[in-house]
Amino acid sequence: MNLDEIMNRIKSVPKEKWTDEETLKELISLTAKESGKSYSAEEIDQLIGMFKNMLQDGSQATLISLLLRHGVSKSQIDELREKFQS
């Protein structure tokens, strides 16, 4: 799964659903599966918790730190930044 597909999947979720835990679990599970990764239920819960904290904090630094810890490269972050600005 490439970055465009991930971005399209994220954009397909209505903003009012960003705090719905079932929606986030489904999004994380599908994206992980399609990118060849798997997460345990505990790991998914941790990712959801981090995501919710990031939404409350609103800081780009929080998001960038999270992405870097999960193996996203700086060039991918730059690409994400460009896509969000467009």
PDB file of N, CA and C in Angstrom:
ATOM      1  N   MET A   1       0.849  -1.170   0.000  1.00  0.00           N
ATOM      2  CA  MET A   1       0.000   0.000   0.000  1.00  0.00           C
ATOM      3  C   MET A   1       0.893   1.231   0.000  1.00  0.00           C
ATOM      4  N   ASN A   2       0.644   2.128  -0.920  1.00  0.00           N
ATOM      5  CA  ASN A   2       1.481   3.317  -0.966  1.00  0.00           C
ATOM      6  C   ASN A   2       0.850   4.452  -0.168  1.00  0.00           C
ATOM      7  N   LEU A   3       1.587   5.516  -0.041  1.00  0.00           N
ATOM      8  CA  LEU A   3       1.163   6.645   0.774  1.00  0.00           C
ATOM      9  C   LEU A   3      -0.122   7.279   0.256  1.00  0.00           C
ATOM     10  N   ASP A   4      -0.308   7.335  -1.048  1.00  0.00           N
ATOM     11  CA  ASP A   4      -1.539   7.899  -1.607  1.00  0.00           C
ATOM     12  C   ASP A   4      -2.764   7.103  -1.173  1.00  0.00           C
ATOM     13  N   GLU A   5      -2.643   5.787  -1.174  1.00  0.00           N
ATOM     14  CA  GLU A   5      -3.764   4.942  -0.753  1.00  0.00           C
ATOM     15  C   GLU A   5      -4.084   5.148   0.724  1.00  0.00           C
ATOM     16  N   ILE A   6      -3.048   5.279   1.535  1.00  0.00           N
ATOM     17  CA  ILE A   6      -3.258   5.530   2.957  1.00  0.00           C
ATOM     18  C   ILE A   6      -3.943   6.881   3.154  1.00  0.00           C
ATOM     19  N   MET A   7      -3.472   7.901   2.455  1.00  0.00           N
ATOM     20  CA  MET A   7      -4.068   9.232   2.571  1.00  0.00           C
ATOM     21  C   MET A   7      -5.524   9.211   2.122  1.00  0.00           C
ATOM     22  N   ASN A   8      -5.832   8.520   1.048  1.00  0.00           N
ATOM     23  CA  ASN A   8      -7.214   8.439   0.575  1.00  0.00           C
ATOM     24  C   ASN A   8      -8.104   7.743   1.598  1.00  0.00           C
ATOM     25  N   ARG A   9      -7.575   6.705   2.220  1.00  0.00           N
ATOM     26  CA  ARG A   9      -8.341   6.002   3.245  1.00  0.00           C
ATOM     27  C   ARG A   9      -8.603   6.933   4.429  1.00  0.00           C
ATOM     28  N   ILE A  10      -7.594   7.673   4.859  1.00  0.00           N
ATOM     29  CA  ILE A  10      -7.757   8.602   5.976  1.00  0.00           C
ATOM     30  C   ILE A  10      -8.768   9.692   5.627  1.00  0.00           C
ATOM     31  N   LYS A  11      -8.650  10.235   4.423  1.00  0.00           N
ATOM     32  CA  LYS A  11      -9.568  11.294   4.000  1.00  0.00           C
ATOM     33  C   LYS A  11     -11.003  10.798   3.865  1.00  0.00           C
ATOM     34  N   SER A  12     -11.187   9.495   3.679  1.00  0.00           N
ATOM     35  CA  SER A  12     -12.537   8.946   3.505  1.00  0.00           C
ATOM     36  C   SER A  12     -13.317   8.872   4.822  1.00  0.00           C
ATOM     37  N   VAL A  13     -12.617   9.009   5.945  1.00  0.00           N
ATOM     38  CA  VAL A  13     -13.281   8.946   7.245  1.00  0.00           C
ATOM     39  C   VAL A  13     -13.778  10.349   7.605  1.00  0.00           C
ATOM     40  N   PRO A  14     -15.087  10.492   7.831  1.00  0.00           N
ATOM     41  CA  PRO A  14     -15.623  11.799   8.218  1.00  0.00           C
ATOM     42  C   PRO A  14     -14.997  12.285   9.527  1.00  0.00           C
ATOM     43  N   LYS A  15     -14.767  13.582   9.639  1.00  0.00           N
ATOM     44  CA  LYS A  15     -14.093  14.137  10.820  1.00  0.00           C
ATOM     45  C   LYS A  15     -14.828  13.828  12.119  1.00  0.00           C
ATOM     46  N   GLU A  16     -16.156  13.732  12.059  1.00  0.00           N
ATOM     47  CA  GLU A  16     -16.896  13.438  13.291  1.00  0.00           C
ATOM     48  C   GLU A  16     -16.649  12.012  13.785  1.00  0.00           C
ATOM     49  N   LYS A  17     -16.062  11.157  12.942  1.00  0.00           N
ATOM     50  CA  LYS A  17     -15.764   9.766  13.318  1.00  0.00           C
ATOM     51  C   LYS A  17     -14.354   9.597  13.898  1.00  0.00           C
ATOM     52  N   TRP A  18     -13.549  10.684  13.910  1.00  0.00           N
ATOM     53  CA  TRP A  18     -12.171  10.565  14.368  1.00  0.00           C
ATOM     54  C   TRP A  18     -12.054  10.186  15.842  1.00  0.00           C
ATOM     55  N   THR A  19     -13.105  10.372  16.612  1.00  0.00           N
ATOM     56  CA  THR A  19     -13.047   9.996  18.018  1.00  0.00           C
ATOM     57  C   THR A  19     -13.770   8.679  18.294  1.00  0.00           C
ATOM     58  N   ASP A  20     -14.355   8.086  17.284  1.00  0.00           N
ATOM     59  CA  ASP A  20     -15.050   6.801  17.421  1.00  0.00           C
ATOM     60  C   ASP A  20     -14.021   5.675  17.419  1.00  0.00           C
ATOM     61  N   GLU A  21     -13.932   4.984  18.540  1.00  0.00           N
ATOM     62  CA  GLU A  21     -12.903   3.963  18.691  1.00  0.00           C
ATOM     63  C   GLU A  21     -13.024   2.823  17.681  1.00  0.00           C
ATOM     64  N   GLU A  22     -14.228   2.384  17.390  1.00  0.00           N
ATOM     65  CA  GLU A  22     -14.420   1.290  16.425  1.00  0.00           C
ATOM     66  C   GLU A  22     -13.958   1.700  15.028  1.00  0.00           C
ATOM     67  N   THR A  23     -14.250   2.941  14.648  1.00  0.00           N
ATOM     68  CA  THR A  23     -13.810   3.434  13.339  1.00  0.00           C
ATOM     69  C   THR A  23     -12.290   3.467  13.274  1.00  0.00           C
ATOM     70  N   LEU A  24     -11.650   3.958  14.340  1.00  0.00           N
ATOM     71  CA  LEU A  24     -10.186   4.023  14.368  1.00  0.00           C
ATOM     72  C   LEU A  24      -9.569   2.633  14.354  1.00  0.00           C
ATOM     73  N   LYS A  25     -10.156   1.689  15.100  1.00  0.00           N
ATOM     74  CA  LYS A  25      -9.640   0.312  15.098  1.00  0.00           C
ATOM     75  C   LYS A  25      -9.711  -0.290  13.699  1.00  0.00           C
ATOM     76  N   GLU A  26     -10.841  -0.080  13.052  1.00  0.00           N
ATOM     77  CA  GLU A  26     -11.012  -0.622  11.703  1.00  0.00           C
ATOM     78  C   GLU A  26     -10.019   0.011  10.731  1.00  0.00           C
ATOM     79  N   LEU A  27      -9.845   1.323  10.809  1.00  0.00           N
ATOM     80  CA  LEU A  27      -8.913   2.030   9.929  1.00  0.00           C
ATOM     81  C   LEU A  27      -7.481   1.532  10.141  1.00  0.00           C
ATOM     82  N   ILE A  28      -7.059   1.428  11.386  1.00  0.00           N
ATOM     83  CA  ILE A  28      -5.703   0.970  11.687  1.00  0.00           C
ATOM     84  C   ILE A  28      -5.508  -0.475  11.237  1.00  0.00           C
ATOM     85  N   SER A  29      -6.473  -1.324  11.526  1.00  0.00           N
ATOM     86  CA  SER A  29      -6.355  -2.742  11.160  1.00  0.00           C
ATOM     87  C   SER A  29      -6.290  -2.936   9.647  1.00  0.00           C
ATOM     88  N   LEU A  30      -7.174  -2.263   8.918  1.00  0.00           N
ATOM     89  CA  LEU A  30      -7.179  -2.395   7.451  1.00  0.00           C
ATOM     90  C   LEU A  30      -5.896  -1.860   6.835  1.00  0.00           C
ATOM     91  N   THR A  31      -5.478  -0.709   7.301  1.00  0.00           N
ATOM     92  CA  THR A  31      -4.261  -0.106   6.753  1.00  0.00           C
ATOM     93  C   THR A  31      -3.048  -0.972   7.056  1.00  0.00           C
ATOM     94  N   ALA A  32      -2.970  -1.479   8.276  1.00  0.00           N
ATOM     95  CA  ALA A  32      -1.852  -2.352   8.649  1.00  0.00           C
ATOM     96  C   ALA A  32      -1.850  -3.614   7.802  1.00  0.00           C
ATOM     97  N   LYS A  33      -3.015  -4.231   7.658  1.00  0.00           N
ATOM     98  CA  LYS A  33      -3.125  -5.471   6.887  1.00  0.00           C
ATOM     99  C   LYS A  33      -2.695  -5.260   5.438  1.00  0.00           C
ATOM    100  N   GLU A  34      -3.160  -4.181   4.834  1.00  0.00           N
ATOM    101  CA  GLU A  34      -2.843  -3.922   3.437  1.00  0.00           C
ATOM    102  C   GLU A  34      -1.382  -3.525   3.230  1.00  0.00           C
ATOM    103  N   SER A  35      -0.728  -3.046   4.296  1.00  0.00           N
ATOM    104  CA  SER A  35       0.681  -2.689   4.167  1.00  0.00           C
ATOM    105  C   SER A  35       1.593  -3.815   4.652  1.00  0.00           C
ATOM    106  N   GLY A  36       0.998  -4.982   4.967  1.00  0.00           N
ATOM    107  CA  GLY A  36       1.795  -6.142   5.345  1.00  0.00           C
ATOM    108  C   GLY A  36       2.209  -6.169   6.802  1.00  0.00           C
ATOM    109  N   LYS A  37       1.566  -5.376   7.644  1.00  0.00           N
ATOM    110  CA  LYS A  37       1.893  -5.362   9.063  1.00  0.00           C
ATOM    111  C   LYS A  37       0.709  -5.900   9.842  1.00  0.00           C
ATOM    112  N   SER A  38       0.991  -6.315  11.056  1.00  0.00           N
ATOM    113  CA  SER A  38      -0.105  -6.739  11.920  1.00  0.00           C
ATOM    114  C   SER A  38       0.169  -6.197  13.314  1.00  0.00           C
ATOM    115  N   TYR A  39      -0.897  -5.806  13.977  1.00  0.00           N
ATOM    116  CA  TYR A  39      -0.803  -5.286  15.337  1.00  0.00           C
ATOM    117  C   TYR A  39      -1.723  -6.106  16.223  1.00  0.00           C
ATOM    118  N   SER A  40      -1.288  -6.310  17.446  1.00  0.00           N
ATOM    119  CA  SER A  40      -2.139  -6.987  18.422  1.00  0.00           C
ATOM    120  C   SER A  40      -3.223  -6.001  18.861  1.00  0.00           C
ATOM    121  N   ALA A  41      -4.243  -6.526  19.531  1.00  0.00           N
ATOM    122  CA  ALA A  41      -5.320  -5.667  20.032  1.00  0.00           C
ATOM    123  C   ALA A  41      -4.758  -4.612  20.991  1.00  0.00           C
ATOM    124  N   GLU A  42      -3.775  -5.001  21.779  1.00  0.00           N
ATOM    125  CA  GLU A  42      -3.152  -4.063  22.718  1.00  0.00           C
ATOM    126  C   GLU A  42      -2.406  -2.952  21.970  1.00  0.00           C
ATOM    127  N   GLU A  43      -1.680  -3.316  20.927  1.00  0.00           N
ATOM    128  CA  GLU A  43      -0.955  -2.310  20.139  1.00  0.00           C
ATOM    129  C   GLU A  43      -1.928  -1.345  19.459  1.00  0.00           C
ATOM    130  N   ILE A  44      -3.032  -1.872  18.950  1.00  0.00           N
ATOM    131  CA  ILE A  44      -4.045  -1.011  18.319  1.00  0.00           C
ATOM    132  C   ILE A  44      -4.619  -0.054  19.348  1.00  0.00           C
ATOM    133  N   ASP A  45      -4.895  -0.545  20.553  1.00  0.00           N
ATOM    134  CA  ASP A  45      -5.406   0.328  21.616  1.00  0.00           C
ATOM    135  C   ASP A  45      -4.398   1.428  21.957  1.00  0.00           C
ATOM    136  N   GLN A  46      -3.115   1.087  21.987  1.00  0.00           N
ATOM    137  CA  GLN A  46      -2.076   2.083  22.257  1.00  0.00           C
ATOM    138  C   GLN A  46      -2.025   3.127  21.139  1.00  0.00           C
ATOM    139  N   LEU A  47      -2.117   2.672  19.882  1.00  0.00           N
ATOM    140  CA  LEU A  47      -2.105   3.602  18.758  1.00  0.00           C
ATOM    141  C   LEU A  47      -3.311   4.544  18.811  1.00  0.00           C
ATOM    142  N   ILE A  48      -4.466   4.000  19.167  1.00  0.00           N
ATOM    143  CA  ILE A  48      -5.671   4.829  19.280  1.00  0.00           C
ATOM    144  C   ILE A  48      -5.487   5.862  20.395  1.00  0.00           C
ATOM    145  N   GLY A  49      -4.929   5.433  21.509  1.00  0.00           N
ATOM    146  CA  GLY A  49      -4.666   6.360  22.611  1.00  0.00           C
ATOM    147  C   GLY A  49      -3.723   7.475  22.196  1.00  0.00           C
ATOM    148  N   MET A  50      -2.663   7.125  21.485  1.00  0.00           N
ATOM    149  CA  MET A  50      -1.714   8.137  21.015  1.00  0.00           C
ATOM    150  C   MET A  50      -2.389   9.081  20.026  1.00  0.00           C
ATOM    151  N   PHE A  51      -3.226   8.523  19.162  1.00  0.00           N
ATOM    152  CA  PHE A  51      -3.922   9.337  18.171  1.00  0.00           C
ATOM    153  C   PHE A  51      -4.860  10.332  18.859  1.00  0.00           C
ATOM    154  N   LYS A  52      -5.611   9.852  19.846  1.00  0.00           N
ATOM    155  CA  LYS A  52      -6.530  10.739  20.567  1.00  0.00           C
ATOM    156  C   LYS A  52      -5.769  11.833  21.318  1.00  0.00           C
ATOM    157  N   ASN A  53      -4.639  11.472  21.921  1.00  0.00           N
ATOM    158  CA  ASN A  53      -3.816  12.484  22.591  1.00  0.00           C
ATOM    159  C   ASN A  53      -3.310  13.515  21.596  1.00  0.00           C
ATOM    160  N   MET A  54      -2.928  13.039  20.435  1.00  0.00           N
ATOM    161  CA  MET A  54      -2.436  13.946  19.402  1.00  0.00           C
ATOM    162  C   MET A  54      -3.548  14.905  18.968  1.00  0.00           C
ATOM    163  N   LEU A  55      -4.778  14.400  18.836  1.00  0.00           N
ATOM    164  CA  LEU A  55      -5.901  15.254  18.452  1.00  0.00           C
ATOM    165  C   LEU A  55      -6.152  16.332  19.500  1.00  0.00           C
ATOM    166  N   GLN A  56      -6.042  15.968  20.761  1.00  0.00           N
ATOM    167  CA  GLN A  56      -6.252  16.940  21.832  1.00  0.00           C
ATOM    168  C   GLN A  56      -5.115  17.943  21.893  1.00  0.00           C
ATOM    169  N   ASP A  57      -3.896  17.451  21.723  1.00  0.00           N
ATOM    170  CA  ASP A  57      -2.715  18.307  21.788  1.00  0.00           C
ATOM    171  C   ASP A  57      -2.656  19.231  20.576  1.00  0.00           C
ATOM    172  N   GLY A  58      -2.950  18.679  19.396  1.00  0.00           N
ATOM    173  CA  GLY A  58      -2.939  19.461  18.169  1.00  0.00           C
ATOM    174  C   GLY A  58      -1.558  19.828  17.663  1.00  0.00           C
ATOM    175  N   SER A  59      -0.535  19.225  18.209  1.00  0.00           N
ATOM    176  CA  SER A  59       0.834  19.575  17.850  1.00  0.00           C
ATOM    177  C   SER A  59       1.356  18.717  16.705  1.00  0.00           C
ATOM    178  N   GLN A  60       1.968  19.379  15.725  1.00  0.00           N
ATOM    179  CA  GLN A  60       2.601  18.632  14.630  1.00  0.00           C
ATOM    180  C   GLN A  60       3.767  17.813  15.142  1.00  0.00           C
ATOM    181  N   ALA A  61       4.442  18.311  16.171  1.00  0.00           N
ATOM    182  CA  ALA A  61       5.591  17.592  16.726  1.00  0.00           C
ATOM    183  C   ALA A  61       5.163  16.235  17.275  1.00  0.00           C
ATOM    184  N   THR A  62       3.982  16.177  17.863  1.00  0.00           N
ATOM    185  CA  THR A  62       3.475  14.908  18.387  1.00  0.00           C
ATOM    186  C   THR A  62       3.260  13.917  17.249  1.00  0.00           C
ATOM    187  N   LEU A  63       2.655  14.378  16.177  1.00  0.00           N
ATOM    188  CA  LEU A  63       2.403  13.513  15.026  1.00  0.00           C
ATOM    189  C   LEU A  63       3.710  13.051  14.396  1.00  0.00           C
ATOM    190  N   ILE A  64       4.632  13.961  14.201  1.00  0.00           N
ATOM    191  CA  ILE A  64       5.912  13.610  13.576  1.00  0.00           C
ATOM    192  C   ILE A  64       6.663  12.600  14.434  1.00  0.00           C
ATOM    193  N   SER A  65       6.680  12.812  15.739  1.00  0.00           N
ATOM    194  CA  SER A  65       7.344  11.880  16.650  1.00  0.00           C
ATOM    195  C   SER A  65       6.719  10.494  16.562  1.00  0.00           C
ATOM    196  N   LEU A  66       5.396  10.446  16.553  1.00  0.00           N
ATOM    197  CA  LEU A  66       4.681   9.175  16.444  1.00  0.00           C
ATOM    198  C   LEU A  66       5.018   8.465  15.135  1.00  0.00           C
ATOM    199  N   LEU A  67       5.002   9.191  14.037  1.00  0.00           N
ATOM    200  CA  LEU A  67       5.297   8.593  12.736  1.00  0.00           C
ATOM    201  C   LEU A  67       6.728   8.076  12.665  1.00  0.00           C
ATOM    202  N   LEU A  68       7.666   8.843  13.188  1.00  0.00           N
ATOM    203  CA  LEU A  68       9.067   8.413  13.171  1.00  0.00           C
ATOM    204  C   LEU A  68       9.272   7.143  13.993  1.00  0.00           C
ATOM    205  N   ARG A  69       8.583   7.042  15.131  1.00  0.00           N
ATOM    206  CA  ARG A  69       8.707   5.839  15.970  1.00  0.00           C
ATOM    207  C   ARG A  69       8.158   4.608  15.276  1.00  0.00           C
ATOM    208  N   HIS A  70       7.227   4.805  14.350  1.00  0.00           N
ATOM    209  CA  HIS A  70       6.609   3.670  13.669  1.00  0.00           C
ATOM    210  C   HIS A  70       7.181   3.450  12.269  1.00  0.00           C
ATOM    211  N   GLY A  71       8.385   3.978  12.027  1.00  0.00           N
ATOM    212  CA  GLY A  71       9.108   3.636  10.818  1.00  0.00           C
ATOM    213  C   GLY A  71       8.849   4.492   9.595  1.00  0.00           C
ATOM    214  N   VAL A  72       8.173   5.620   9.751  1.00  0.00           N
ATOM    215  CA  VAL A  72       7.951   6.507   8.614  1.00  0.00           C
ATOM    216  C   VAL A  72       9.191   7.360   8.438  1.00  0.00           C
ATOM    217  N   SER A  73       9.663   7.469   7.208  1.00  0.00           N
ATOM    218  CA  SER A  73      10.885   8.228   6.949  1.00  0.00           C
ATOM    219  C   SER A  73      10.599   9.720   6.853  1.00  0.00           C
ATOM    220  N   LYS A  74      11.655  10.523   6.931  1.00  0.00           N
ATOM    221  CA  LYS A  74      11.511  11.980   6.830  1.00  0.00           C
ATOM    222  C   LYS A  74      10.933  12.370   5.475  1.00  0.00           C
ATOM    223  N   SER A  75      11.336  11.687   4.419  1.00  0.00           N
ATOM    224  CA  SER A  75      10.801  12.018   3.094  1.00  0.00           C
ATOM    225  C   SER A  75       9.300  11.715   3.027  1.00  0.00           C
ATOM    226  N   GLN A  76       8.855  10.650   3.693  1.00  0.00           N
ATOM    227  CA  GLN A  76       7.424  10.346   3.728  1.00  0.00           C
ATOM    228  C   GLN A  76       6.666  11.401   4.533  1.00  0.00           C
ATOM    229  N   ILE A  77       7.271  11.871   5.618  1.00  0.00           N
ATOM    230  CA  ILE A  77       6.647  12.931   6.414  1.00  0.00           C
ATOM    231  C   ILE A  77       6.528  14.201   5.583  1.00  0.00           C
ATOM    232  N   ASP A  78       7.573  14.536   4.835  1.00  0.00           N
ATOM    233  CA  ASP A  78       7.528  15.711   3.967  1.00  0.00           C
ATOM    234  C   ASP A  78       6.422  15.555   2.912  1.00  0.00           C
ATOM    235  N   GLU A  79       6.279  14.363   2.370  1.00  0.00           N
ATOM    236  CA  GLU A  79       5.232  14.095   1.389  1.00  0.00           C
ATOM    237  C   GLU A  79       3.844  14.242   2.019  1.00  0.00           C
ATOM    238  N   LEU A  80       3.680  13.721   3.238  1.00  0.00           N
ATOM    239  CA  LEU A  80       2.411  13.873   3.953  1.00  0.00           C
ATOM    240  C   LEU A  80       2.093  15.346   4.185  1.00  0.00           C
ATOM    241  N   ARG A  81       3.103  16.097   4.595  1.00  0.00           N
ATOM    242  CA  ARG A  81       2.929  17.519   4.866  1.00  0.00           C
ATOM    243  C   ARG A  81       2.436  18.243   3.609  1.00  0.00           C
ATOM    244  N   GLU A  82       3.028  17.908   2.473  1.00  0.00           N
ATOM    245  CA  GLU A  82       2.618  18.530   1.198  1.00  0.00           C
ATOM    246  C   GLU A  82       1.180  18.156   0.866  1.00  0.00           C
ATOM    247  N   LYS A  83       0.811  16.900   1.082  1.00  0.00           N
ATOM    248  CA  LYS A  83      -0.553  16.456   0.745  1.00  0.00           C
ATOM    249  C   LYS A  83      -1.588  17.130   1.650  1.00  0.00           C
ATOM    250  N   PHE A  84      -1.272  17.305   2.932  1.00  0.00           N
ATOM    251  CA  PHE A  84      -2.210  17.962   3.824  1.00  0.00           C
ATOM    252  C   PHE A  84      -2.362  19.444   3.497  1.00  0.00           C
ATOM    253  N   GLN A  85      -1.320  20.049   2.956  1.00  0.00           N
ATOM    254  CA  GLN A  85      -1.380  21.467   2.621  1.00  0.00           C
ATOM    255  C   GLN A  85      -2.093  21.706   1.305  1.00  0.00           C
ATOM    256  N   SER A  86      -2.232  20.655   0.488  1.00  0.00           N
ATOM    257  CA  SER A  86      -2.892  20.842  -0.814  1.00  0.00           C
ATOM    258  C   SER A  86      -4.389  20.687  -0.728  1.00  0.00           C
TER     259      SER A  86
END
